[in-house]
C-alpha atoms as a PDB file:
ATOM      1  CA  MET A   1     127.698  64.958 185.029  1.00  0.00           C
ATOM      2  CA  PRO A   2     126.336  67.268 182.773  1.00  0.00           C
ATOM      3  CA  SER A   3     123.861  66.190 179.864  1.00  0.00           C
ATOM      4  CA  LEU A   4     125.434  66.671 176.276  1.00  0.00           C
ATOM      5  CA  ALA A   5     122.752  68.771 175.342  1.00  0.00           C
ATOM      6  CA  THR A   6     123.592  71.165 178.818  1.00  0.00           C
ATOM      7  CA  LEU A   7     127.581  71.042 177.572  1.00  0.00           C
ATOM      8  CA  GLN A   8     126.827  72.232 173.852  1.00  0.00           C
ATOM      9  CA  GLY A   9     123.510  74.721 174.744  1.00  0.00           C
ATOM     10  CA  VAL A  10     121.059  73.045 172.415  1.00  0.00           C
ATOM     11  CA  VAL A  11     117.608  70.781 172.837  1.00  0.00           C
ATOM     12  CA  HIS A  12     116.623  69.652 169.936  1.00  0.00           C
ATOM     13  CA  ARG A  13     112.695  69.178 170.784  1.00  0.00           C
ATOM     14  CA  ASP A  14     111.809  66.759 168.526  1.00  0.00           C
ATOM     15  CA  LEU A  15     113.863  64.102 168.613  1.00  0.00           C
ATOM     16  CA  LYS A  16     112.121  60.783 167.062  1.00  0.00           C
ATOM     17  CA  LEU A  17     113.050  58.119 165.044  1.00  0.00           C
ATOM     18  CA  GLU A  18     113.308  59.846 161.739  1.00  0.00           C
ATOM     19  CA  ASN A  19     116.062  62.572 162.941  1.00  0.00           C
ATOM     20  CA  MET A  20     118.125  59.831 164.462  1.00  0.00           C
ATOM     21  CA  LEU A  21     120.874  58.193 161.874  1.00  0.00           C
ATOM     22  CA  LEU A  22     123.845  56.310 161.880  1.00  0.00           C
ATOM     23  CA  ASN A  23     126.994  56.798 159.712  1.00  0.00           C
ATOM     24  CA  ASN A  24     128.933  53.887 158.102  1.00  0.00           C
ATOM     25  CA  GLU A  25     130.655  53.364 160.839  1.00  0.00           C
ATOM     26  CA  GLY A  26     127.829  52.907 163.058  1.00  0.00           C
ATOM     27  CA  VAL A  27     128.000  56.789 165.019  1.00  0.00           C
ATOM     28  CA  LEU A  28     124.874  58.287 165.936  1.00  0.00           C
ATOM     29  CA  LYS A  29     123.795  61.014 164.102  1.00  0.00           C
ATOM     30  CA  VAL A  30     120.724  63.981 164.480  1.00  0.00           C
ATOM     31  CA  ALA A  31     119.217  65.636 161.631  1.00  0.00           C
ATOM     32  CA  ASP A  32     116.986  68.498 161.558  1.00  0.00           C
ATOM     33  CA  PHE A  33     117.188  71.118 164.101  1.00  0.00           C
ATOM     34  CA  GLY A  34     114.516  72.790 163.134  1.00  0.00           C
ATOM     35  CA  HIS A  35     113.375  73.924 166.332  1.00  0.00           C
ATOM     36  CA  ALA A  36     115.942  73.226 168.398  1.00  0.00           C
ATOM     37  CA  GLY A  37     116.273  76.069 171.139  1.00  0.00           C
ATOM     38  CA  ILE A  38     119.738  77.548 172.255  1.00  0.00           C
ATOM     39  CA  PHE A  39     119.871  77.835 176.239  1.00  0.00           C
ATOM     40  CA  ASN A  40     122.338  78.496 178.879  1.00  0.00           C
ATOM     41  CA  GLU A  41     122.629  76.958 181.310  1.00  0.00           C
ATOM     42  CA  GLY A  42     120.011  77.445 184.568  1.00  0.00           C
ATOM     43  CA  TRP A  43     117.986  79.132 182.067  1.00  0.00           C
ATOM     44  CA  ASP A  44     115.999  75.770 180.323  1.00  0.00           C
ATOM     45  CA  LEU A  45     112.926  76.576 179.494  1.00  0.00           C
ATOM     46  CA  PHE A  46     110.557  76.826 176.721  1.00  0.00           C
ATOM     47  CA  SER A  47     106.852  77.219 176.158  1.00  0.00           C
ATOM     48  CA  THR A  48     105.929  76.686 172.255  1.00  0.00           C
ATOM     49  CA  ALA A  49     103.995  73.225 171.880  1.00  0.00           C
ATOM     50  CA  VAL A  50     107.108  71.972 169.089  1.00  0.00           C
ATOM     51  CA  GLY A  51     107.750  68.496 167.464  1.00  0.00           C
ATOM     52  CA  THR A  52     105.490  65.265 166.833  1.00  0.00           C
ATOM     53  CA  LEU A  53     102.917  64.555 167.475  1.00  0.00           C
ATOM     54  CA  HIS A  54     103.198  61.607 168.978  1.00  0.00           C
ATOM     55  CA  HIS A  55     106.991  62.487 170.660  1.00  0.00           C
ATOM     56  CA  LEU A  56     105.922  65.762 172.748  1.00  0.00           C
ATOM     57  CA  ALA A  57     105.897  64.643 176.648  1.00  0.00           C
ATOM     58  CA  PRO A  58     102.816  65.967 178.946  1.00  0.00           C
ATOM     59  CA  GLU A  59     103.518  69.380 179.253  1.00  0.00           C
ATOM     60  CA  GLN A  60     104.103  70.171 176.139  1.00  0.00           C
ATOM     61  CA  VAL A  61     100.500  68.495 175.151  1.00  0.00           C
ATOM     62  CA  GLU A  62      98.753  71.012 177.942  1.00  0.00           C
ATOM     63  CA  GLY A  63     101.281  73.783 178.088  1.00  0.00           C
ATOM     64  CA  HIS A  64     103.057  74.539 180.004  1.00  0.00           C
ATOM     65  CA  VAL A  65     106.146  75.485 180.281  1.00  0.00           C
ATOM     66  CA  TYR A  66     108.619  73.018 179.745  1.00  0.00           C
ATOM     67  CA  SER A  67     112.232  71.387 180.183  1.00  0.00           C
ATOM     68  CA  GLY A  68     114.162  71.526 176.737  1.00  0.00           C
ATOM     69  CA  GLU A  69     117.059  68.997 178.427  1.00  0.00           C
ATOM     70  CA  LYS A  70     113.471  67.159 179.551  1.00  0.00           C
ATOM     71  CA  VAL A  71     111.201  66.659 175.903  1.00  0.00           C
ATOM     72  CA  ASP A  72     114.681  65.573 174.957  1.00  0.00           C
ATOM     73  CA  LEU A  73     114.574  62.366 177.264  1.00  0.00           C
ATOM     74  CA  TRP A  74     111.275  61.749 177.187  1.00  0.00           C
ATOM     75  CA  ALA A  75     111.752  61.561 173.651  1.00  0.00           C
ATOM     76  CA  LEU A  76     114.392  59.571 173.035  1.00  0.00           C
ATOM     77  CA  GLY A  77     112.131  57.687 175.833  1.00  0.00           C
ATOM     78  CA  ILE A  78     109.642  57.295 172.897  1.00  0.00           C
ATOM     79  CA  ALA A  79     112.275  56.110 170.314  1.00  0.00           C
ATOM     80  CA  LEU A  80     113.783  53.153 172.441  1.00  0.00           C
ATOM     81  CA  TYR A  81     110.051  51.540 173.048  1.00  0.00           C
ATOM     82  CA  VAL A  82     108.470  51.961 169.777  1.00  0.00           C
ATOM     83  CA  GLU A  83     111.745  50.874 168.081  1.00  0.00           C
END
């Protein structure tokens, strides 16, 4: 099953609690797409380290090419751990 990012063709690359908002119905909304990247399935590689330092995946910190979808998942894990 493809992820939501793959279906939408966008990776956020700066997911953190401050960018995740709930509306009055309790629906999650994602804000601040300043570092977002657009990609096609099978082409999900980025090389610039963008985002918030404490939410960066190890490959971003080390300066490696990384998957935007995977670093979004990493940042979600950090947000869940922090909360």
